[in-house]
Amino acid sequence: MDKLKGKGKEAVGKLTGDHRKEAEGKADQAKGRAKDAVDEAGDRAKGIKDSLSGDDDK
């Protein structure tokens, strides 16, 4: 959601020449990418834990 909101802010900032809004949009996109990376790392860690303990849900 942050990435989508950020893209919108960045686009509005570019269209209006509002550099602050454009920067906020870029920051929101970075925040979204960071959240995605954390979620992915958590999923990988869970997968590793499950494979080591034999708790696969297959």
PDB file of N, CA and C in Angstrom:
ATOM      1  N   MET A   1       0.825  -1.183   0.000  1.00  0.00           N
ATOM      2  CA  MET A   1       0.000   0.000   0.000  1.00  0.00           C
ATOM      3  C   MET A   1       0.873   1.252   0.000  1.00  0.00           C
ATOM      4  N   ASP A   2       1.949   1.224   0.759  1.00  0.00           N
ATOM      5  CA  ASP A   2       2.839   2.381   0.819  1.00  0.00           C
ATOM      6  C   ASP A   2       3.456   2.680  -0.541  1.00  0.00           C
ATOM      7  N   LYS A   3       3.798   1.616  -1.267  1.00  0.00           N
ATOM      8  CA  LYS A   3       4.413   1.829  -2.586  1.00  0.00           C
ATOM      9  C   LYS A   3       3.435   2.500  -3.534  1.00  0.00           C
ATOM     10  N   LEU A   4       2.192   2.086  -3.520  1.00  0.00           N
ATOM     11  CA  LEU A   4       1.178   2.667  -4.395  1.00  0.00           C
ATOM     12  C   LEU A   4       0.907   4.123  -4.023  1.00  0.00           C
ATOM     13  N   LYS A   5       0.760   4.377  -2.738  1.00  0.00           N
ATOM     14  CA  LYS A   5       0.539   5.739  -2.255  1.00  0.00           C
ATOM     15  C   LYS A   5       1.730   6.621  -2.632  1.00  0.00           C
ATOM     16  N   GLY A   6       2.919   6.087  -2.500  1.00  0.00           N
ATOM     17  CA  GLY A   6       4.127   6.828  -2.828  1.00  0.00           C
ATOM     18  C   GLY A   6       4.216   7.178  -4.302  1.00  0.00           C
ATOM     19  N   LYS A   7       3.829   6.238  -5.143  1.00  0.00           N
ATOM     20  CA  LYS A   7       3.850   6.506  -6.583  1.00  0.00           C
ATOM     21  C   LYS A   7       2.906   7.648  -6.929  1.00  0.00           C
ATOM     22  N   GLY A   8       1.747   7.656  -6.289  1.00  0.00           N
ATOM     23  CA  GLY A   8       0.785   8.723  -6.516  1.00  0.00           C
ATOM     24  C   GLY A   8       1.320  10.075  -6.069  1.00  0.00           C
ATOM     25  N   LYS A   9       1.885  10.111  -4.877  1.00  0.00           N
ATOM     26  CA  LYS A   9       2.455  11.365  -4.363  1.00  0.00           C
ATOM     27  C   LYS A   9       3.583  11.861  -5.260  1.00  0.00           C
ATOM     28  N   GLU A  10       4.431  10.937  -5.670  1.00  0.00           N
ATOM     29  CA  GLU A  10       5.551  11.324  -6.527  1.00  0.00           C
ATOM     30  C   GLU A  10       5.039  11.904  -7.846  1.00  0.00           C
ATOM     31  N   ALA A  11       4.036  11.254  -8.430  1.00  0.00           N
ATOM     32  CA  ALA A  11       3.479  11.736  -9.696  1.00  0.00           C
ATOM     33  C   ALA A  11       2.863  13.123  -9.545  1.00  0.00           C
ATOM     34  N   VAL A  12       2.106  13.319  -8.465  1.00  0.00           N
ATOM     35  CA  VAL A  12       1.493  14.627  -8.221  1.00  0.00           C
ATOM     36  C   VAL A  12       2.583  15.676  -8.016  1.00  0.00           C
ATOM     37  N   GLY A  13       3.596  15.322  -7.277  1.00  0.00           N
ATOM     38  CA  GLY A  13       4.706  16.243  -7.045  1.00  0.00           C
ATOM     39  C   GLY A  13       5.401  16.647  -8.329  1.00  0.00           C
ATOM     40  N   LYS A  14       5.617  15.677  -9.211  1.00  0.00           N
ATOM     41  CA  LYS A  14       6.262  15.977 -10.496  1.00  0.00           C
ATOM     42  C   LYS A  14       5.379  16.884 -11.348  1.00  0.00           C
ATOM     43  N   LEU A  15       4.075  16.592 -11.376  1.00  0.00           N
ATOM     44  CA  LEU A  15       3.155  17.374 -12.193  1.00  0.00           C
ATOM     45  C   LEU A  15       3.028  18.816 -11.707  1.00  0.00           C
ATOM     46  N   THR A  16       3.036  18.989 -10.398  1.00  0.00           N
ATOM     47  CA  THR A  16       2.831  20.318  -9.826  1.00  0.00           C
ATOM     48  C   THR A  16       4.136  21.050  -9.531  1.00  0.00           C
ATOM     49  N   GLY A  17       5.241  20.354  -9.673  1.00  0.00           N
ATOM     50  CA  GLY A  17       6.527  20.977  -9.358  1.00  0.00           C
ATOM     51  C   GLY A  17       6.796  21.061  -7.865  1.00  0.00           C
ATOM     52  N   ASP A  18       6.044  20.289  -7.088  1.00  0.00           N
ATOM     53  CA  ASP A  18       6.189  20.268  -5.628  1.00  0.00           C
ATOM     54  C   ASP A  18       7.256  19.235  -5.263  1.00  0.00           C
ATOM     55  N   HIS A  19       8.464  19.710  -5.057  1.00  0.00           N
ATOM     56  CA  HIS A  19       9.585  18.811  -4.788  1.00  0.00           C
ATOM     57  C   HIS A  19       9.428  18.085  -3.450  1.00  0.00           C
ATOM     58  N   ARG A  20       8.791  18.744  -2.500  1.00  0.00           N
ATOM     59  CA  ARG A  20       8.583  18.107  -1.203  1.00  0.00           C
ATOM     60  C   ARG A  20       7.634  16.908  -1.347  1.00  0.00           C
ATOM     61  N   LYS A  21       6.528  17.084  -2.083  1.00  0.00           N
ATOM     62  CA  LYS A  21       5.563  16.006  -2.297  1.00  0.00           C
ATOM     63  C   LYS A  21       6.219  14.854  -3.073  1.00  0.00           C
ATOM     64  N   GLU A  22       7.044  15.199  -4.038  1.00  0.00           N
ATOM     65  CA  GLU A  22       7.758  14.190  -4.820  1.00  0.00           C
ATOM     66  C   GLU A  22       8.689  13.375  -3.909  1.00  0.00           C
ATOM     67  N   ALA A  23       9.391  14.070  -3.024  1.00  0.00           N
ATOM     68  CA  ALA A  23      10.295  13.389  -2.094  1.00  0.00           C
ATOM     69  C   ALA A  23       9.515  12.510  -1.113  1.00  0.00           C
ATOM     70  N   GLU A  24       8.362  13.007  -0.658  1.00  0.00           N
ATOM     71  CA  GLU A  24       7.530  12.197   0.236  1.00  0.00           C
ATOM     72  C   GLU A  24       7.090  10.912  -0.470  1.00  0.00           C
ATOM     73  N   GLY A  25       6.750  11.044  -1.730  1.00  0.00           N
ATOM     74  CA  GLY A  25       6.347   9.874  -2.498  1.00  0.00           C
ATOM     75  C   GLY A  25       7.466   8.857  -2.612  1.00  0.00           C
ATOM     76  N   LYS A  26       8.658   9.337  -2.870  1.00  0.00           N
ATOM     77  CA  LYS A  26       9.801   8.420  -2.960  1.00  0.00           C
ATOM     78  C   LYS A  26      10.065   7.752  -1.621  1.00  0.00           C
ATOM     79  N   ALA A  27       9.903   8.520  -0.536  1.00  0.00           N
ATOM     80  CA  ALA A  27      10.114   7.963   0.803  1.00  0.00           C
ATOM     81  C   ALA A  27       9.059   6.896   1.110  1.00  0.00           C
ATOM     82  N   ASP A  28       7.804   7.155   0.736  1.00  0.00           N
ATOM     83  CA  ASP A  28       6.749   6.167   0.953  1.00  0.00           C
ATOM     84  C   ASP A  28       7.034   4.880   0.185  1.00  0.00           C
ATOM     85  N   GLN A  29       7.540   5.005  -1.035  1.00  0.00           N
ATOM     86  CA  GLN A  29       7.868   3.823  -1.830  1.00  0.00           C
ATOM     87  C   GLN A  29       8.991   3.030  -1.167  1.00  0.00           C
ATOM     88  N   ALA A  30       9.986   3.726  -0.655  1.00  0.00           N
ATOM     89  CA  ALA A  30      11.095   3.052   0.032  1.00  0.00           C
ATOM     90  C   ALA A  30      10.586   2.335   1.281  1.00  0.00           C
ATOM     91  N   LYS A  31       9.673   2.975   1.989  1.00  0.00           N
ATOM     92  CA  LYS A  31       9.078   2.371   3.181  1.00  0.00           C
ATOM     93  C   LYS A  31       8.338   1.083   2.796  1.00  0.00           C
ATOM     94  N   GLY A  32       7.607   1.120   1.700  1.00  0.00           N
ATOM     95  CA  GLY A  32       6.898  -0.068   1.231  1.00  0.00           C
ATOM     96  C   GLY A  32       7.842  -1.185   0.849  1.00  0.00           C
ATOM     97  N   ARG A  33       8.934  -0.835   0.170  1.00  0.00           N
ATOM     98  CA  ARG A  33       9.922  -1.855  -0.208  1.00  0.00           C
ATOM     99  C   ARG A  33      10.572  -2.463   1.027  1.00  0.00           C
ATOM    100  N   ALA A  34      10.822  -1.641   2.046  1.00  0.00           N
ATOM    101  CA  ALA A  34      11.431  -2.140   3.284  1.00  0.00           C
ATOM    102  C   ALA A  34      10.484  -3.109   3.989  1.00  0.00           C
ATOM    103  N   LYS A  35       9.199  -2.763   4.029  1.00  0.00           N
ATOM    104  CA  LYS A  35       8.223  -3.658   4.650  1.00  0.00           C
ATOM    105  C   LYS A  35       8.156  -4.991   3.902  1.00  0.00           C
ATOM    106  N   ASP A  36       8.195  -4.929   2.585  1.00  0.00           N
ATOM    107  CA  ASP A  36       8.175  -6.154   1.783  1.00  0.00           C
ATOM    108  C   ASP A  36       9.391  -7.023   2.083  1.00  0.00           C
ATOM    109  N   ALA A  37      10.554  -6.387   2.222  1.00  0.00           N
ATOM    110  CA  ALA A  37      11.790  -7.128   2.496  1.00  0.00           C
ATOM    111  C   ALA A  37      11.725  -7.803   3.864  1.00  0.00           C
ATOM    112  N   VAL A  38      11.187  -7.104   4.847  1.00  0.00           N
ATOM    113  CA  VAL A  38      11.056  -7.681   6.192  1.00  0.00           C
ATOM    114  C   VAL A  38      10.100  -8.867   6.164  1.00  0.00           C
ATOM    115  N   ASP A  39       8.973  -8.704   5.475  1.00  0.00           N
ATOM    116  CA  ASP A  39       8.009  -9.808   5.369  1.00  0.00           C
ATOM    117  C   ASP A  39       8.634 -11.015   4.672  1.00  0.00           C
ATOM    118  N   GLU A  40       9.373 -10.760   3.602  1.00  0.00           N
ATOM    119  CA  GLU A  40      10.013 -11.847   2.865  1.00  0.00           C
ATOM    120  C   GLU A  40      11.053 -12.558   3.726  1.00  0.00           C
ATOM    121  N   ALA A  41      11.824 -11.793   4.492  1.00  0.00           N
ATOM    122  CA  ALA A  41      12.835 -12.391   5.361  1.00  0.00           C
ATOM    123  C   ALA A  41      12.166 -13.262   6.423  1.00  0.00           C
ATOM    124  N   GLY A  42      11.042 -12.796   6.956  1.00  0.00           N
ATOM    125  CA  GLY A  42      10.307 -13.576   7.949  1.00  0.00           C
ATOM    126  C   GLY A  42       9.790 -14.870   7.362  1.00  0.00           C
ATOM    127  N   ASP A  43       9.275 -14.788   6.141  1.00  0.00           N
ATOM    128  CA  ASP A  43       8.777 -15.991   5.473  1.00  0.00           C
ATOM    129  C   ASP A  43       9.909 -16.983   5.228  1.00  0.00           C
ATOM    130  N   ARG A  44      11.054 -16.475   4.816  1.00  0.00           N
ATOM    131  CA  ARG A  44      12.200 -17.365   4.579  1.00  0.00           C
ATOM    132  C   ARG A  44      12.658 -18.017   5.874  1.00  0.00           C
ATOM    133  N   ALA A  45      12.708 -17.226   6.951  1.00  0.00           N
ATOM    134  CA  ALA A  45      13.136 -17.766   8.237  1.00  0.00           C
ATOM    135  C   ALA A  45      12.168 -18.854   8.702  1.00  0.00           C
ATOM    136  N   LYS A  46      10.873 -18.628   8.518  1.00  0.00           N
ATOM    137  CA  LYS A  46       9.889 -19.638   8.898  1.00  0.00           C
ATOM    138  C   LYS A  46      10.074 -20.895   8.062  1.00  0.00           C
ATOM    139  N   GLY A  47      10.343 -20.732   6.774  1.00  0.00           N
ATOM    140  CA  GLY A  47      10.558 -21.885   5.915  1.00  0.00           C
ATOM    141  C   GLY A  47      11.776 -22.690   6.331  1.00  0.00           C
ATOM    142  N   ILE A  48      12.823 -21.987   6.695  1.00  0.00           N
ATOM    143  CA  ILE A  48      14.043 -22.670   7.151  1.00  0.00           C
ATOM    144  C   ILE A  48      13.767 -23.409   8.452  1.00  0.00           C
ATOM    145  N   LYS A  49      13.091 -22.737   9.384  1.00  0.00           N
ATOM    146  CA  LYS A  49      12.763 -23.363  10.663  1.00  0.00           C
ATOM    147  C   LYS A  49      11.923 -24.621  10.435  1.00  0.00           C
ATOM    148  N   ASP A  50      10.899 -24.494   9.574  1.00  0.00           N
ATOM    149  CA  ASP A  50      10.025 -25.633   9.309  1.00  0.00           C
ATOM    150  C   ASP A  50      10.794 -26.794   8.663  1.00  0.00           C
ATOM    151  N   SER A  51      11.703 -26.466   7.756  1.00  0.00           N
ATOM    152  CA  SER A  51      12.452 -27.548   7.094  1.00  0.00           C
ATOM    153  C   SER A  51      13.412 -28.237   8.056  1.00  0.00           C
ATOM    154  N   LEU A  52      13.939 -27.487   9.008  1.00  0.00           N
ATOM    155  CA  LEU A  52      14.854 -28.093   9.963  1.00  0.00           C
ATOM    156  C   LEU A  52      14.106 -28.935  11.008  1.00  0.00           C
ATOM    157  N   SER A  53      12.893 -28.525  11.341  1.00  0.00           N
ATOM    158  CA  SER A  53      12.150 -29.256  12.358  1.00  0.00           C
ATOM    159  C   SER A  53      11.213 -30.304  11.755  1.00  0.00           C
ATOM    160  N   GLY A  54      11.095 -30.306  10.420  1.00  0.00           N
ATOM    161  CA  GLY A  54      10.260 -31.290   9.759  1.00  0.00           C
ATOM    162  C   GLY A  54       8.776 -30.957   9.825  1.00  0.00           C
ATOM    163  N   ASP A  55       8.448 -29.664  10.004  1.00  0.00           N
ATOM    164  CA  ASP A  55       7.061 -29.241  10.115  1.00  0.00           C
ATOM    165  C   ASP A  55       6.485 -28.749   8.804  1.00  0.00           C
ATOM    166  N   ASP A  56       6.881 -29.341   7.683  1.00  0.00           N
ATOM    167  CA  ASP A  56       6.341 -28.938   6.391  1.00  0.00           C
ATOM    168  C   ASP A  56       4.854 -29.220   6.349  1.00  0.00           C
ATOM    169  N   ASP A  57       4.093 -28.308   5.764  1.00  0.00           N
ATOM    170  CA  ASP A  57       2.653 -28.478   5.635  1.00  0.00           C
ATOM    171  C   ASP A  57       2.290 -29.076   4.294  1.00  0.00           C
ATOM    172  N   LYS A  58       3.103 -29.981   3.775  1.00  0.00           N
ATOM    173  CA  LYS A  58       2.860 -30.600   2.464  1.00  0.00           C
ATOM    174  C   LYS A  58       2.128 -31.901   2.620  1.00  0.00           C
TER     175      LYS A  58
END
